[in-house]
Amino acid sequence: MSNPDYKLLESQLCHLLDGETDPLANASNFVGLMFNAIDNINWLGIYVLRDDDLVLGPFQGKPACVRIPMGSGVCGTAAATLQTQRVADVQLFDGHIACDPASRSELVVPLQVRGQLVGVLDIDSASPGRFSAEDEAGVERVCNAYCELLAESPRFI
């Protein structure tokens, strides 16, 4: 298993979204690009902030939990703290929400546009310890590029 070239992935994302202003289309392509670039994952998607909940947005993988309260589980913790959560074994994470019992490790990156939380990118793997510090930094880099592109749109999803 090798990590993707995150710099190349960032460039591909910028070209893929170039000129498109529809936020739903852009979110869908962002998710599709990331899901197909990262090895050994079983789910990848966006949860969008709606009031005090994270609500399921575009994703790749099995059907998922629709609403996650702010501060709950790995996604809610990332959103509430505005800090990336890299969890080697979700079964050891207090308050973990098991949408897919096959998932064992998780990486969740808060998505902020113009300094405001708009959602999170959630990536799951069936392999414990799947995500490295390199993955964390790389995914954050691509998410930051995505959020910069979103800042040019009048709205998020």
N, C-alpha and C. Protein backbone atom coordinates (compact mmCIF):
# COMPACT_ATOMS: atom_id res chain seq x y z
N MET A 1 0.85 -1.18 0.00
CA MET A 1 0.00 0.00 0.00
C MET A 1 0.89 1.24 0.00
N SER A 2 0.59 2.14 -0.93
CA SER A 2 1.36 3.38 -0.97
C SER A 2 0.41 4.57 -0.89
N ASN A 3 0.93 5.64 -0.33
CA ASN A 3 0.13 6.86 -0.23
C ASN A 3 0.09 7.54 -1.58
N PRO A 4 -1.01 8.22 -1.89
CA PRO A 4 -1.05 8.95 -3.15
C PRO A 4 -0.10 10.14 -3.10
N ASP A 5 0.20 10.67 -4.26
CA ASP A 5 0.98 11.90 -4.36
C ASP A 5 -0.02 13.03 -4.10
N TYR A 6 -0.03 13.53 -2.88
CA TYR A 6 -1.03 14.52 -2.49
C TYR A 6 -0.87 15.84 -3.23
N LYS A 7 0.35 16.19 -3.58
CA LYS A 7 0.57 17.41 -4.36
C LYS A 7 -0.07 17.26 -5.74
N LEU A 8 0.11 16.10 -6.35
CA LEU A 8 -0.51 15.82 -7.64
C LEU A 8 -2.03 15.79 -7.51
N LEU A 9 -2.53 15.20 -6.45
CA LEU A 9 -3.97 15.13 -6.20
C LEU A 9 -4.56 16.54 -6.06
N GLU A 10 -3.84 17.42 -5.38
CA GLU A 10 -4.28 18.81 -5.25
C GLU A 10 -4.38 19.48 -6.62
N SER A 11 -3.38 19.25 -7.46
CA SER A 11 -3.37 19.81 -8.81
C SER A 11 -4.53 19.25 -9.64
N GLN A 12 -4.75 17.94 -9.53
CA GLN A 12 -5.85 17.31 -10.27
C GLN A 12 -7.19 17.90 -9.82
N LEU A 13 -7.35 18.12 -8.53
CA LEU A 13 -8.58 18.70 -8.01
C LEU A 13 -8.82 20.09 -8.59
N CYS A 14 -7.78 20.91 -8.59
CA CYS A 14 -7.91 22.28 -9.10
C CYS A 14 -8.31 22.26 -10.58
N HIS A 15 -7.74 21.36 -11.36
CA HIS A 15 -8.10 21.27 -12.78
C HIS A 15 -9.52 20.72 -12.95
N LEU A 16 -9.88 19.75 -12.14
CA LEU A 16 -11.20 19.14 -12.21
C LEU A 16 -12.31 20.15 -11.92
N LEU A 17 -12.08 21.02 -10.94
CA LEU A 17 -13.11 21.97 -10.53
C LEU A 17 -13.01 23.32 -11.24
N ASP A 18 -11.97 23.50 -12.05
CA ASP A 18 -11.74 24.78 -12.72
C ASP A 18 -12.94 25.19 -13.55
N GLY A 19 -13.47 26.38 -13.26
CA GLY A 19 -14.56 26.93 -14.04
C GLY A 19 -15.95 26.49 -13.63
N GLU A 20 -16.05 25.49 -12.77
CA GLU A 20 -17.37 25.02 -12.31
C GLU A 20 -17.71 25.71 -11.00
N THR A 21 -18.89 26.30 -10.92
CA THR A 21 -19.28 27.02 -9.72
C THR A 21 -20.35 26.31 -8.90
N ASP A 22 -20.93 25.23 -9.43
CA ASP A 22 -21.97 24.54 -8.67
C ASP A 22 -21.33 23.77 -7.51
N PRO A 23 -21.68 24.12 -6.27
CA PRO A 23 -21.02 23.48 -5.13
C PRO A 23 -21.34 22.00 -4.97
N LEU A 24 -22.53 21.57 -5.36
CA LEU A 24 -22.86 20.15 -5.25
C LEU A 24 -22.05 19.33 -6.25
N ALA A 25 -21.95 19.81 -7.46
CA ALA A 25 -21.14 19.12 -8.46
C ALA A 25 -19.68 19.06 -8.02
N ASN A 26 -19.17 20.18 -7.50
CA ASN A 26 -17.78 20.21 -7.06
C ASN A 26 -17.53 19.29 -5.87
N ALA A 27 -18.46 19.25 -4.93
CA ALA A 27 -18.32 18.35 -3.78
C ALA A 27 -18.33 16.90 -4.24
N SER A 28 -19.20 16.58 -5.17
CA SER A 28 -19.29 15.21 -5.68
C SER A 28 -18.00 14.80 -6.38
N ASN A 29 -17.45 15.68 -7.21
CA ASN A 29 -16.20 15.35 -7.89
C ASN A 29 -15.02 15.30 -6.92
N PHE A 30 -15.01 16.15 -5.93
CA PHE A 30 -13.98 16.11 -4.89
C PHE A 30 -13.98 14.75 -4.20
N VAL A 31 -15.14 14.30 -3.80
CA VAL A 31 -15.27 13.01 -3.11
C VAL A 31 -14.86 11.87 -4.04
N GLY A 32 -15.33 11.90 -5.28
CA GLY A 32 -14.97 10.84 -6.22
C GLY A 32 -13.48 10.76 -6.48
N LEU A 33 -12.86 11.92 -6.65
CA LEU A 33 -11.42 11.97 -6.87
C LEU A 33 -10.65 11.39 -5.69
N MET A 34 -11.00 11.83 -4.50
CA MET A 34 -10.29 11.37 -3.30
C MET A 34 -10.50 9.87 -3.06
N PHE A 35 -11.73 9.40 -3.22
CA PHE A 35 -12.04 7.99 -2.97
C PHE A 35 -11.23 7.08 -3.89
N ASN A 36 -11.08 7.48 -5.13
CA ASN A 36 -10.36 6.65 -6.09
C ASN A 36 -8.85 6.80 -6.01
N ALA A 37 -8.37 7.81 -5.30
CA ALA A 37 -6.92 8.03 -5.19
C ALA A 37 -6.29 7.40 -3.96
N ILE A 38 -7.08 7.16 -2.93
CA ILE A 38 -6.54 6.68 -1.65
C ILE A 38 -6.82 5.18 -1.53
N ASP A 39 -5.76 4.41 -1.37
CA ASP A 39 -5.88 2.95 -1.25
C ASP A 39 -6.41 2.52 0.11
N ASN A 40 -7.00 1.35 0.13
CA ASN A 40 -7.37 0.67 1.37
C ASN A 40 -8.33 1.49 2.23
N ILE A 41 -9.35 2.06 1.59
CA ILE A 41 -10.41 2.72 2.34
C ILE A 41 -11.74 2.11 1.92
N ASN A 42 -12.72 2.18 2.81
CA ASN A 42 -14.03 1.61 2.48
C ASN A 42 -15.14 2.66 2.45
N TRP A 43 -14.81 3.91 2.82
CA TRP A 43 -15.83 4.97 2.79
C TRP A 43 -15.13 6.32 2.79
N LEU A 44 -15.67 7.25 2.01
CA LEU A 44 -15.16 8.62 2.01
C LEU A 44 -16.31 9.54 1.64
N GLY A 45 -16.51 10.56 2.45
CA GLY A 45 -17.60 11.48 2.15
C GLY A 45 -17.52 12.76 2.94
N ILE A 46 -18.44 13.64 2.60
CA ILE A 46 -18.56 14.94 3.26
C ILE A 46 -19.80 14.93 4.13
N TYR A 47 -19.64 15.44 5.34
CA TYR A 47 -20.78 15.78 6.18
C TYR A 47 -20.84 17.30 6.23
N VAL A 48 -22.03 17.84 5.96
CA VAL A 48 -22.25 19.28 5.85
C VAL A 48 -22.86 19.79 7.16
N LEU A 49 -22.37 20.92 7.64
CA LEU A 49 -22.91 21.52 8.86
C LEU A 49 -24.28 22.13 8.57
N ARG A 50 -25.28 21.67 9.32
CA ARG A 50 -26.65 22.21 9.26
C ARG A 50 -27.08 22.46 10.70
N ASP A 51 -27.13 23.71 11.10
CA ASP A 51 -27.44 24.09 12.48
C ASP A 51 -26.41 23.43 13.40
N ASP A 52 -26.83 22.53 14.30
CA ASP A 52 -25.89 21.88 15.22
C ASP A 52 -25.62 20.43 14.86
N ASP A 53 -25.93 20.06 13.63
CA ASP A 53 -25.70 18.69 13.17
C ASP A 53 -24.81 18.69 11.94
N LEU A 54 -24.12 17.57 11.76
CA LEU A 54 -23.44 17.29 10.51
C LEU A 54 -24.37 16.37 9.73
N VAL A 55 -24.71 16.75 8.51
CA VAL A 55 -25.67 16.01 7.70
C VAL A 55 -24.94 15.42 6.49
N LEU A 56 -25.25 14.19 6.20
CA LEU A 56 -24.61 13.46 5.11
C LEU A 56 -24.71 14.21 3.79
N GLY A 57 -23.56 14.34 3.13
CA GLY A 57 -23.48 14.94 1.80
C GLY A 57 -22.96 13.90 0.82
N PRO A 58 -22.34 14.34 -0.27
CA PRO A 58 -21.81 13.39 -1.26
C PRO A 58 -20.81 12.43 -0.62
N PHE A 59 -20.90 11.15 -1.02
CA PHE A 59 -20.00 10.13 -0.47
C PHE A 59 -19.82 8.99 -1.46
N GLN A 60 -18.81 8.17 -1.19
CA GLN A 60 -18.56 6.91 -1.89
C GLN A 60 -18.47 5.83 -0.83
N GLY A 61 -19.19 4.73 -1.02
CA GLY A 61 -19.18 3.63 -0.06
C GLY A 61 -20.60 3.22 0.28
N LYS A 62 -20.71 2.42 1.33
CA LYS A 62 -22.01 1.93 1.77
C LYS A 62 -22.86 3.08 2.34
N PRO A 63 -24.19 2.92 2.36
CA PRO A 63 -25.03 3.93 3.01
C PRO A 63 -24.51 4.22 4.42
N ALA A 64 -24.71 5.47 4.84
CA ALA A 64 -24.07 5.93 6.08
C ALA A 64 -25.08 6.61 7.01
N CYS A 65 -24.62 6.91 8.20
CA CYS A 65 -25.41 7.68 9.15
C CYS A 65 -25.75 9.02 8.49
N VAL A 66 -27.00 9.47 8.68
CA VAL A 66 -27.44 10.70 8.03
C VAL A 66 -27.10 11.93 8.86
N ARG A 67 -27.28 11.88 10.18
CA ARG A 67 -27.03 13.03 11.05
C ARG A 67 -26.08 12.64 12.17
N ILE A 68 -25.14 13.54 12.42
CA ILE A 68 -24.20 13.37 13.52
C ILE A 68 -24.23 14.67 14.33
N PRO A 69 -24.60 14.60 15.59
CA PRO A 69 -24.62 15.83 16.41
C PRO A 69 -23.20 16.40 16.58
N MET A 70 -23.12 17.70 16.60
CA MET A 70 -21.86 18.39 16.83
C MET A 70 -21.24 17.87 18.13
N GLY A 71 -19.97 17.49 18.09
CA GLY A 71 -19.28 17.00 19.27
C GLY A 71 -19.39 15.50 19.48
N SER A 72 -20.20 14.80 18.67
CA SER A 72 -20.37 13.36 18.83
C SER A 72 -19.52 12.59 17.83
N GLY A 73 -18.95 11.49 18.30
CA GLY A 73 -18.14 10.64 17.42
C GLY A 73 -16.91 11.36 16.91
N VAL A 74 -16.23 10.71 15.98
CA VAL A 74 -15.00 11.27 15.42
C VAL A 74 -15.32 12.51 14.57
N CYS A 75 -16.36 12.41 13.74
CA CYS A 75 -16.72 13.56 12.89
C CYS A 75 -17.15 14.76 13.71
N GLY A 76 -18.02 14.53 14.68
CA GLY A 76 -18.51 15.63 15.52
C GLY A 76 -17.41 16.25 16.35
N THR A 77 -16.44 15.44 16.78
CA THR A 77 -15.29 15.95 17.54
C THR A 77 -14.42 16.84 16.65
N ALA A 78 -14.16 16.38 15.42
CA ALA A 78 -13.36 17.19 14.48
C ALA A 78 -14.05 18.53 14.22
N ALA A 79 -15.36 18.49 14.04
CA ALA A 79 -16.11 19.72 13.78
C ALA A 79 -16.10 20.66 14.98
N ALA A 80 -16.32 20.11 16.16
CA ALA A 80 -16.41 20.94 17.37
C ALA A 80 -15.06 21.56 17.75
N THR A 81 -13.98 20.82 17.52
CA THR A 81 -12.65 21.31 17.91
C THR A 81 -11.92 22.03 16.78
N LEU A 82 -12.45 21.88 15.55
CA LEU A 82 -11.79 22.40 14.34
C LEU A 82 -10.39 21.82 14.18
N GLN A 83 -10.23 20.57 14.63
CA GLN A 83 -8.95 19.89 14.53
C GLN A 83 -9.14 18.53 13.85
N THR A 84 -8.22 18.21 12.96
CA THR A 84 -8.25 16.91 12.31
C THR A 84 -8.16 15.81 13.35
N GLN A 85 -8.95 14.78 13.14
CA GLN A 85 -8.93 13.61 14.01
C GLN A 85 -8.41 12.42 13.20
N ARG A 86 -7.28 11.85 13.64
CA ARG A 86 -6.73 10.64 13.02
C ARG A 86 -6.78 9.56 14.08
N VAL A 87 -7.66 8.58 13.86
CA VAL A 87 -7.92 7.56 14.88
C VAL A 87 -7.48 6.20 14.34
N ALA A 88 -6.52 5.59 15.01
CA ALA A 88 -5.97 4.30 14.57
C ALA A 88 -6.96 3.15 14.77
N ASP A 89 -7.75 3.21 15.84
CA ASP A 89 -8.74 2.17 16.11
C ASP A 89 -9.99 2.82 16.68
N VAL A 90 -11.01 2.95 15.84
CA VAL A 90 -12.22 3.65 16.26
C VAL A 90 -12.94 2.95 17.40
N GLN A 91 -12.68 1.66 17.57
CA GLN A 91 -13.32 0.93 18.67
C GLN A 91 -12.82 1.42 20.03
N LEU A 92 -11.68 2.11 20.03
CA LEU A 92 -11.12 2.65 21.26
C LEU A 92 -11.45 4.14 21.44
N PHE A 93 -12.17 4.72 20.48
CA PHE A 93 -12.53 6.14 20.54
C PHE A 93 -13.84 6.27 21.32
N ASP A 94 -13.78 6.95 22.45
CA ASP A 94 -14.96 7.12 23.30
C ASP A 94 -16.06 7.85 22.55
N GLY A 95 -17.22 7.22 22.42
CA GLY A 95 -18.34 7.84 21.74
C GLY A 95 -18.37 7.62 20.24
N HIS A 96 -17.55 6.71 19.74
CA HIS A 96 -17.52 6.43 18.30
C HIS A 96 -18.91 6.03 17.81
N ILE A 97 -19.29 6.56 16.66
CA ILE A 97 -20.57 6.21 16.02
C ILE A 97 -20.25 5.23 14.90
N ALA A 98 -20.74 4.01 15.04
CA ALA A 98 -20.42 2.95 14.06
C ALA A 98 -21.46 2.92 12.95
N CYS A 99 -21.24 3.69 11.89
CA CYS A 99 -22.12 3.65 10.73
C CYS A 99 -21.90 2.35 9.96
N ASP A 100 -20.64 1.94 9.84
CA ASP A 100 -20.27 0.68 9.19
C ASP A 100 -19.37 -0.07 10.17
N PRO A 101 -19.84 -1.18 10.72
CA PRO A 101 -19.03 -1.91 11.70
C PRO A 101 -17.71 -2.44 11.14
N ALA A 102 -17.56 -2.47 9.82
CA ALA A 102 -16.30 -2.92 9.22
C ALA A 102 -15.20 -1.88 9.36
N SER A 103 -15.56 -0.62 9.54
CA SER A 103 -14.56 0.45 9.65
C SER A 103 -13.80 0.33 10.96
N ARG A 104 -12.48 0.43 10.87
CA ARG A 104 -11.63 0.32 12.06
C ARG A 104 -10.78 1.55 12.31
N SER A 105 -10.42 2.28 11.26
CA SER A 105 -9.65 3.52 11.46
C SER A 105 -10.31 4.64 10.67
N GLU A 106 -10.01 5.87 11.10
CA GLU A 106 -10.74 7.00 10.52
C GLU A 106 -9.86 8.25 10.51
N LEU A 107 -10.05 9.04 9.47
CA LEU A 107 -9.40 10.34 9.35
C LEU A 107 -10.48 11.34 9.00
N VAL A 108 -10.64 12.38 9.83
CA VAL A 108 -11.68 13.38 9.62
C VAL A 108 -11.03 14.77 9.65
N VAL A 109 -11.26 15.53 8.56
CA VAL A 109 -10.68 16.87 8.42
C VAL A 109 -11.80 17.90 8.39
N PRO A 110 -11.77 18.89 9.29
CA PRO A 110 -12.76 19.97 9.23
C PRO A 110 -12.59 20.77 7.94
N LEU A 111 -13.70 21.18 7.36
CA LEU A 111 -13.70 22.00 6.16
C LEU A 111 -14.16 23.40 6.55
N GLN A 112 -13.28 24.37 6.33
CA GLN A 112 -13.60 25.76 6.69
C GLN A 112 -13.48 26.65 5.45
N VAL A 113 -14.51 27.46 5.25
CA VAL A 113 -14.53 28.41 4.14
C VAL A 113 -14.65 29.81 4.74
N ARG A 114 -13.71 30.66 4.37
CA ARG A 114 -13.67 32.03 4.90
C ARG A 114 -13.71 32.04 6.43
N GLY A 115 -13.02 31.08 7.05
CA GLY A 115 -12.92 31.01 8.50
C GLY A 115 -14.13 30.39 9.19
N GLN A 116 -15.09 29.91 8.42
CA GLN A 116 -16.30 29.31 9.01
C GLN A 116 -16.36 27.82 8.69
N LEU A 117 -16.68 27.02 9.70
CA LEU A 117 -16.86 25.59 9.50
C LEU A 117 -18.07 25.36 8.59
N VAL A 118 -17.89 24.58 7.53
CA VAL A 118 -19.00 24.22 6.64
C VAL A 118 -19.28 22.72 6.65
N GLY A 119 -18.34 21.94 7.18
CA GLY A 119 -18.51 20.49 7.23
C GLY A 119 -17.21 19.80 7.54
N VAL A 120 -17.18 18.49 7.28
CA VAL A 120 -15.98 17.69 7.46
C VAL A 120 -15.84 16.71 6.31
N LEU A 121 -14.61 16.34 6.01
CA LEU A 121 -14.33 15.22 5.12
C LEU A 121 -14.02 14.04 6.01
N ASP A 122 -14.72 12.94 5.80
CA ASP A 122 -14.58 11.74 6.63
C ASP A 122 -14.07 10.60 5.75
N ILE A 123 -13.00 9.95 6.18
CA ILE A 123 -12.43 8.81 5.45
C ILE A 123 -12.31 7.64 6.42
N ASP A 124 -12.84 6.49 6.02
CA ASP A 124 -12.80 5.29 6.85
C ASP A 124 -12.04 4.17 6.15
N SER A 125 -11.42 3.31 6.96
CA SER A 125 -10.75 2.13 6.45
C SER A 125 -11.08 0.94 7.35
N ALA A 126 -11.14 -0.23 6.74
CA ALA A 126 -11.35 -1.45 7.51
C ALA A 126 -10.06 -1.92 8.19
N SER A 127 -8.94 -1.28 7.89
CA SER A 127 -7.65 -1.65 8.47
C SER A 127 -7.31 -0.75 9.65
N PRO A 128 -7.06 -1.34 10.82
CA PRO A 128 -6.61 -0.51 11.95
C PRO A 128 -5.28 0.18 11.61
N GLY A 129 -5.14 1.43 12.04
CA GLY A 129 -3.90 2.16 11.82
C GLY A 129 -3.63 2.51 10.37
N ARG A 130 -4.64 2.56 9.54
CA ARG A 130 -4.46 2.79 8.10
C ARG A 130 -3.84 4.16 7.79
N PHE A 131 -4.16 5.18 8.56
CA PHE A 131 -3.77 6.55 8.20
C PHE A 131 -2.52 7.00 8.94
N SER A 132 -1.56 7.48 8.18
CA SER A 132 -0.28 7.96 8.72
C SER A 132 -0.32 9.48 8.88
N ALA A 133 0.73 9.99 9.50
CA ALA A 133 0.88 11.45 9.60
C ALA A 133 1.01 12.05 8.20
N GLU A 134 1.62 11.31 7.27
CA GLU A 134 1.74 11.78 5.89
C GLU A 134 0.36 11.87 5.24
N ASP A 135 -0.49 10.87 5.48
CA ASP A 135 -1.86 10.93 4.97
C ASP A 135 -2.59 12.14 5.55
N GLU A 136 -2.46 12.32 6.84
CA GLU A 136 -3.14 13.44 7.50
C GLU A 136 -2.74 14.77 6.87
N ALA A 137 -1.45 15.00 6.73
CA ALA A 137 -0.97 16.26 6.14
C ALA A 137 -1.39 16.39 4.69
N GLY A 138 -1.33 15.30 3.95
CA GLY A 138 -1.71 15.33 2.54
C GLY A 138 -3.18 15.60 2.33
N VAL A 139 -4.03 14.92 3.10
CA VAL A 139 -5.47 15.12 2.98
C VAL A 139 -5.83 16.54 3.42
N GLU A 140 -5.20 17.02 4.47
CA GLU A 140 -5.44 18.41 4.89
C GLU A 140 -5.08 19.38 3.77
N ARG A 141 -3.98 19.12 3.09
CA ARG A 141 -3.53 19.99 1.99
C ARG A 141 -4.59 20.03 0.88
N VAL A 142 -5.10 18.87 0.50
CA VAL A 142 -6.10 18.81 -0.57
C VAL A 142 -7.41 19.45 -0.10
N CYS A 143 -7.78 19.22 1.16
CA CYS A 143 -8.99 19.85 1.71
C CYS A 143 -8.86 21.37 1.73
N ASN A 144 -7.69 21.87 2.07
CA ASN A 144 -7.48 23.32 2.07
C ASN A 144 -7.65 23.90 0.67
N ALA A 145 -7.12 23.19 -0.34
CA ALA A 145 -7.28 23.64 -1.72
C ALA A 145 -8.75 23.63 -2.11
N TYR A 146 -9.46 22.58 -1.72
CA TYR A 146 -10.90 22.47 -2.00
C TYR A 146 -11.65 23.64 -1.36
N CYS A 147 -11.34 23.94 -0.12
CA CYS A 147 -12.03 25.03 0.59
C CYS A 147 -11.71 26.39 -0.03
N GLU A 148 -10.50 26.58 -0.52
CA GLU A 148 -10.17 27.82 -1.21
C GLU A 148 -11.00 27.98 -2.47
N LEU A 149 -11.21 26.87 -3.19
CA LEU A 149 -12.05 26.92 -4.38
C LEU A 149 -13.50 27.20 -4.00
N LEU A 150 -13.95 26.65 -2.88
CA LEU A 150 -15.32 26.89 -2.42
C LEU A 150 -15.54 28.35 -2.05
N ALA A 151 -14.50 28.99 -1.56
CA ALA A 151 -14.63 30.39 -1.15
C ALA A 151 -15.02 31.27 -2.33
N GLU A 152 -14.79 30.80 -3.54
CA GLU A 152 -15.15 31.57 -4.73
C GLU A 152 -16.62 31.39 -5.10
N SER A 153 -17.29 30.38 -4.50
CA SER A 153 -18.70 30.12 -4.79
C SER A 153 -19.57 30.89 -3.80
N PRO A 154 -20.80 31.21 -4.20
CA PRO A 154 -21.68 31.95 -3.30
C PRO A 154 -22.19 31.12 -2.13
N ARG A 155 -22.09 29.79 -2.22
CA ARG A 155 -22.60 28.94 -1.13
C ARG A 155 -21.90 27.59 -1.15
N PHE A 156 -22.04 26.89 -0.04
CA PHE A 156 -21.58 25.50 0.02
C PHE A 156 -22.77 24.63 -0.36
N ILE A 157 -22.68 23.35 -0.21
CA ILE A 157 -23.75 22.43 -0.59
C ILE A 157 -25.05 22.81 0.09
